[in-house]
Protein backbone atom coordinates (compact mmCIF):
# COMPACT_ATOMS: atom_id res chain seq x y z
CA MET A 1 9.54 13.21 -0.67
CA SER A 2 7.50 10.02 -0.36
CA TYR A 3 5.07 9.70 2.54
CA VAL A 4 3.81 6.47 4.09
CA LYS A 5 0.25 6.81 5.42
CA PRO A 6 -0.36 5.84 9.07
CA THR A 7 -2.24 2.64 8.22
CA ASP A 8 0.66 1.41 6.09
CA LEU A 9 3.17 2.79 8.57
CA VAL A 10 1.79 0.67 11.42
CA GLN A 11 2.01 -2.45 9.28
CA SER A 12 5.67 -1.63 8.61
CA VAL A 13 6.22 -1.20 12.36
CA ILE A 14 4.61 -4.59 13.04
CA ASP A 15 6.71 -6.25 10.33
CA ALA A 16 9.85 -4.72 11.84
CA GLY A 17 8.88 -5.96 15.30
CA ALA A 18 8.36 -9.51 14.05
CA SER A 19 11.73 -9.50 12.28
CA LYS A 20 13.49 -8.27 15.45
CA VAL A 21 12.03 -11.09 17.55
CA MET A 22 13.00 -13.73 14.97
CA LEU A 23 16.55 -12.41 14.51
CA SER A 24 19.42 -14.71 15.51
CA THR A 25 21.33 -14.18 18.75
CA ARG A 26 24.50 -13.24 16.87
CA ASP A 27 22.84 -10.65 14.67
CA THR A 28 20.83 -9.19 17.55
CA LEU A 29 23.99 -8.71 19.63
CA ILE A 30 26.02 -7.24 16.78
CA ARG A 31 23.31 -4.78 15.83
CA SER A 32 22.62 -3.73 19.42
CA ILE A 33 26.32 -3.33 20.27
CA MET A 34 26.76 -1.06 17.28
CA GLY A 35 23.52 0.78 18.07
CA GLY A 36 24.64 1.48 21.63
CA ALA A 37 28.08 2.59 20.50
CA MET A 38 26.82 4.88 17.75
CA LEU A 39 24.20 6.58 19.92
CA THR A 40 26.56 7.15 22.83
CA ILE A 41 29.42 8.56 20.78
CA ALA A 42 26.87 11.07 19.55
CA ALA A 43 26.04 11.82 23.20
CA ALA A 44 29.75 12.44 23.86
CA PHE A 45 29.79 14.69 20.80
CA ALA A 46 26.76 16.65 22.03
CA VAL A 47 28.28 17.15 25.49
CA THR A 48 31.54 18.28 23.87
CA VAL A 49 29.70 20.81 21.70
CA SER A 50 27.69 22.10 24.67
CA VAL A 51 30.79 22.52 26.86
CA THR A 52 33.10 24.05 24.26
CA THR A 53 30.52 26.49 22.86
CA GLY A 54 28.57 27.18 26.04
CA VAL A 55 25.35 26.69 24.02
CA PRO A 56 23.46 23.56 25.18
CA LEU A 57 20.86 24.00 22.44
CA LEU A 58 23.57 23.50 19.82
CA GLY A 59 24.50 20.16 21.37
CA ALA A 60 20.86 19.10 21.28
CA LEU A 61 20.53 20.19 17.64
CA LEU A 62 23.48 17.97 16.67
CA PHE A 63 22.87 14.94 18.91
CA PRO A 64 20.33 13.30 16.54
CA VAL A 65 23.11 12.48 14.03
CA GLY A 66 23.97 9.35 16.05
CA PHE A 67 20.36 8.17 16.19
CA ILE A 68 19.89 8.79 12.49
CA MET A 69 23.05 6.93 11.48
CA LEU A 70 22.28 3.87 13.58
CA TYR A 71 18.73 3.52 12.28
CA LEU A 72 19.74 4.06 8.66
CA LEU A 73 22.16 1.16 9.17
CA GLY A 74 19.49 -1.03 10.76
CA TYR A 75 21.05 -1.20 14.24
CA ASP A 76 18.97 -1.66 17.38
CA LEU A 77 18.21 0.22 20.60
CA LEU A 78 16.33 -1.14 23.60
CA THR A 79 14.04 1.88 23.53
CA GLY A 80 13.04 1.00 19.97
CA VAL A 81 12.36 -2.72 20.43
CA PHE A 82 10.27 -1.84 23.50
CA VAL A 83 7.68 -0.65 20.95
CA LEU A 84 8.29 -2.77 17.86
CA ALA A 85 8.22 -6.27 19.38
CA PRO A 86 4.99 -5.96 21.44
CA LEU A 87 3.03 -4.72 18.43
CA ALA A 88 4.02 -7.84 16.50
CA TRP A 89 2.75 -9.93 19.42
CA LEU A 90 -0.53 -7.99 19.61
CA ASP A 91 -0.97 -8.58 15.88
CA ARG A 92 -0.43 -12.33 16.49
CA ARG A 93 2.39 -12.66 14.02
CA PRO A 94 3.51 -16.31 13.66
CA GLY A 95 6.46 -17.19 15.90
CA VAL A 96 6.23 -14.03 18.01
CA THR A 97 5.79 -15.07 21.66
CA LEU A 98 6.22 -13.34 25.00
CA GLY A 99 9.29 -15.48 25.59
CA GLY A 100 10.73 -14.37 22.27
CA ILE A 101 10.09 -10.72 23.10
CA LEU A 102 11.81 -11.01 26.49
CA ARG A 103 14.74 -12.78 24.84
CA ASN A 104 15.04 -9.96 22.30
CA TRP A 105 14.88 -7.29 25.00
CA GLY A 106 17.51 -9.04 27.09
CA LEU A 107 19.93 -9.43 24.18
CA VAL A 108 19.46 -5.83 23.02
CA PHE A 109 19.98 -4.55 26.58
CA LEU A 110 23.21 -6.53 26.85
CA GLY A 111 24.44 -5.44 23.43
CA ASN A 112 23.59 -1.77 24.02
CA PHE A 113 25.44 -1.85 27.33
CA ILE A 114 28.54 -3.41 25.77
CA GLY A 115 28.60 -0.77 23.03
CA ALA A 116 27.92 2.12 25.42
CA PHE A 117 30.49 0.95 27.98
CA ALA A 118 33.13 0.58 25.28
CA ILE A 119 32.58 4.21 24.24
CA ALA A 120 32.67 5.26 27.92
CA VAL A 121 36.12 3.69 28.33
CA LEU A 122 37.43 5.11 25.07
CA MET A 123 36.16 8.62 25.85
CA ALA A 124 37.63 8.44 29.36
CA ILE A 125 41.00 7.74 27.73
CA VAL A 126 40.52 10.70 25.39
CA VAL A 127 39.58 13.28 28.04
CA THR A 128 42.37 12.21 30.46
CA ASN A 129 45.19 11.60 27.96
CA GLY A 130 45.15 7.90 28.71
CA PHE A 131 44.44 8.48 32.45
CA ALA A 132 47.71 10.43 32.73
CA THR A 133 46.02 13.75 33.57
CA ALA A 134 42.92 15.01 35.32
CA PRO A 135 39.76 15.07 33.19
CA ASN A 136 39.44 18.06 30.89
CA ALA A 137 36.36 20.31 30.86
CA VAL A 138 34.30 17.77 28.90
CA GLY A 139 35.29 14.98 31.29
CA GLU A 140 34.35 17.08 34.31
CA ALA A 141 30.98 17.89 32.77
CA ILE A 142 30.24 14.20 32.18
CA GLY A 143 31.19 13.37 35.77
CA HIS A 144 28.82 16.03 37.13
CA ILE A 145 25.98 14.75 34.94
CA GLY A 146 26.33 11.36 36.62
CA GLU A 147 26.19 12.92 40.09
CA GLY A 148 23.18 15.12 39.38
CA ARG A 149 21.15 12.30 37.90
CA THR A 150 21.75 9.80 40.72
CA VAL A 151 22.39 11.34 44.13
CA GLY A 152 20.56 14.44 42.90
CA TYR A 153 17.37 12.40 42.60
CA ALA A 154 18.08 10.45 45.79
CA GLU A 155 18.17 13.66 47.81
CA HIS A 156 14.47 14.12 47.12
CA GLY A 157 13.44 10.57 48.01
CA ALA A 158 10.13 9.40 46.53
CA ALA A 159 9.62 12.72 44.75
CA GLY A 160 13.02 12.30 43.10
CA MET A 161 12.16 8.76 42.00
CA LEU A 162 8.86 9.97 40.56
CA THR A 163 10.64 12.74 38.66
CA LEU A 164 13.18 10.27 37.28
CA PHE A 165 10.45 7.86 36.17
CA VAL A 166 8.37 10.58 34.48
CA ARG A 167 11.45 11.90 32.65
CA ALA A 168 12.08 8.36 31.38
CA VAL A 169 8.46 8.00 30.25
CA LEU A 170 8.58 11.29 28.35
CA CYS A 171 11.94 10.37 26.88
CA ASN A 172 10.72 7.25 25.13
CA ALA A 173 7.51 8.94 24.10
CA MET A 174 9.83 11.01 21.90
CA VAL A 175 12.47 8.37 21.04
CA ALA A 176 9.87 5.76 20.08
CA THR A 177 8.20 8.40 17.91
CA GLY A 178 11.55 8.83 16.19
CA VAL A 179 11.80 5.06 15.67
CA VAL A 180 8.36 4.96 14.06
CA LEU A 181 8.97 8.10 11.98
CA ALA A 182 12.06 6.42 10.52
CA MET A 183 9.54 4.41 8.48
CA VAL A 184 7.24 7.29 7.52
CA SER A 185 9.25 8.11 4.39
CA LYS A 186 10.88 5.95 1.74
CA ASP A 187 13.71 8.35 0.90
CA VAL A 188 16.74 9.14 3.03
CA ILE A 189 16.14 12.89 3.39
CA GLY A 190 12.57 12.31 4.52
CA LYS A 191 13.70 9.77 7.12
CA ILE A 192 16.40 12.12 8.45
CA VAL A 193 14.04 15.07 8.87
CA ALA A 194 11.35 12.92 10.51
CA MET A 195 13.76 11.34 13.01
CA TRP A 196 15.57 14.57 13.83
CA MET A 197 12.65 16.38 15.46
CA PRO A 198 11.69 14.15 18.42
CA ILE A 199 15.31 13.16 19.20
CA MET A 200 16.43 16.79 19.42
CA LEU A 201 13.52 17.51 21.73
CA PHE A 202 14.22 14.68 24.20
CA PHE A 203 17.93 15.53 24.49
CA PHE A 204 17.49 19.24 25.10
CA MET A 205 14.71 18.65 27.64
CA GLY A 206 17.04 16.48 29.74
CA PHE A 207 14.81 13.41 29.66
CA GLU A 208 16.22 10.05 30.79
CA HIS A 209 17.32 7.60 28.08
CA SER A 210 18.50 4.21 29.33
CA ILE A 211 21.09 3.74 26.57
CA VAL A 212 22.59 7.23 26.77
CA ASN A 213 22.84 6.68 30.52
CA MET A 214 24.80 3.46 29.93
CA PHE A 215 27.50 5.80 28.64
CA LEU A 216 27.15 8.81 30.93
CA PHE A 217 27.23 7.01 34.24
CA PRO A 218 30.07 4.53 33.66
CA SER A 219 31.96 7.51 32.20
CA GLY A 220 31.24 9.51 35.33
CA LEU A 221 32.54 6.69 37.54
CA LEU A 222 35.70 6.38 35.45
CA LEU A 223 36.22 10.14 35.63
CA GLY A 224 35.83 10.50 39.39
CA GLY A 225 32.12 11.24 39.74
CA ASP A 226 30.93 11.22 43.36
CA PHE A 227 28.39 8.38 43.18
CA THR A 228 28.44 4.57 43.28
CA ILE A 229 27.42 1.73 40.99
CA MET A 230 24.42 1.07 43.24
CA ASP A 231 23.45 4.75 42.99
CA TYR A 232 23.55 4.37 39.22
CA LEU A 233 21.45 1.19 39.16
CA ILE A 234 18.83 2.14 41.77
CA TRP A 235 18.60 5.88 41.20
CA ASN A 236 18.82 5.85 37.43
CA GLU A 237 19.22 2.82 35.17
CA ILE A 238 16.49 0.49 36.51
CA PRO A 239 13.76 3.16 36.86
CA THR A 240 14.80 4.62 33.52
CA VAL A 241 14.43 1.28 31.73
CA LEU A 242 10.96 0.82 33.22
CA GLY A 243 9.93 4.38 32.38
CA ASN A 244 11.21 4.01 28.81
CA LEU A 245 9.12 0.84 28.43
CA VAL A 246 5.96 2.53 29.71
CA GLY A 247 6.48 5.68 27.66
CA GLY A 248 7.12 3.88 24.39
CA LEU A 249 4.11 1.59 24.71
CA LEU A 250 1.65 4.00 26.31
CA PHE A 251 2.28 7.05 24.15
CA VAL A 252 3.40 5.54 20.84
CA GLY A 253 2.88 1.83 20.28
CA LEU A 254 -0.61 1.25 21.68
CA PRO A 255 -2.27 4.42 20.31
CA LEU A 256 -0.98 3.72 16.80
CA TYR A 257 -1.97 0.06 16.93
CA LEU A 258 -5.43 0.64 18.38
CA THR A 259 -6.42 3.29 15.85
CA TYR A 260 -4.56 2.11 12.73
CA GLY A 261 -3.44 -1.48 13.29
CA ARG A 262 -6.67 -3.19 14.31
CA ARG A 263 -9.37 -3.71 11.71
CA ALA A 264 -12.48 -2.30 13.38
CA ALA A 265 -16.00 -3.02 12.14
CA PRO A 266 -17.63 -0.21 10.14
CA ARG A 267 -19.59 2.25 12.27
CA ARG A 268 -23.35 1.62 12.17
CA VAL A 269 -25.48 4.57 11.12
CA ARG A 270 -28.35 5.35 13.52
CA THR A 271 -31.74 5.87 11.82
CA SER A 272 -35.01 7.32 13.12
CA LYS A 273 -38.16 5.25 13.70
CA ARG A 274 -39.88 6.97 10.73
CA GLU A 275 -36.97 6.04 8.43
CA ARG A 276 -37.06 2.41 9.62
CA ASN A 277 -40.85 2.18 9.06
CA ALA A 278 -40.49 3.65 5.57
CA ALA A 279 -37.78 1.11 4.75
CA VAL A 280 -40.02 -1.74 5.95
CA ALA A 281 -42.91 -0.49 3.81
CA VAL A 282 -40.71 -0.31 0.71
CA ALA A 283 -39.43 -3.82 1.33
CA ALA A 284 -43.00 -5.14 1.75
CA SER A 285 -44.18 -3.53 -1.50
CA ASP A 286 -41.25 -5.09 -3.34
CA ARG A 287 -42.35 -8.53 -2.18
CA GLU A 288 -46.02 -8.18 -3.45
CA PRO A 289 -46.73 -10.15 -6.70
CA ALA A 290 -47.20 -8.04 -9.81
CA THR A 291 -50.66 -8.02 -11.51
CA THR A 292 -51.36 -7.74 -15.23
CA GLY A 293 -54.55 -6.78 -17.05
CA VAL A 294 -56.35 -9.39 -19.20
């Protein structure tokens, strides 16, 4: 299993960030639509496993398959480009500007939402037999998730908003770690194992992921969840996006860049006064002219 050292890993991350910013609008949208769709169908899979087996841990163990597949195929998630693009800007890569980063984020957000919403509609059809019957057990579970993570936070006011934001921060601390670890190995098995760990952790801990929520909450609304679009936006999606941004940069991108990406000057060795005087004396003796006997 090949291993990429952190110094080389950070350069790969920076290269990836620069390529994301420079990608065409068409390719950015296609890759982000597919990324959103692939991640959220895995979320539907994980909820289905949890409901049908009654073992939530099993759903969390299997959820990373969607994340792994989308990154092996080179698709994009907003939570990933939150980390990749800014590092390319910090490294002053040619053509990478703040405007370009914001453009990339906006396109990836739009694409992820399109992909996630498409899966939400398709899964709503599946769990209601084409809207001909009431939602099955999986559909009911998805609807209740939407309620708990919107009006459930709102009931606690500022404390609920703080909890939501912190869960979003912690989420992308793990997801962004998974994005970076996708580059820590050069073989497929190594990449899979490295990505699996942090993604499993975030899902089981119930942290808030903006792209997964683009599926869960529209699904909940389609399936009769007792909350509104404004509840979703104010009490979940917007704070979650901001928390994901902070978590990815603060806990993953900046620490890696500051310790491995920047070329720091070598540390100066402190010497004692006696050692400095001895060095001066040696230097002076070396400068004295040599004498020869006649």
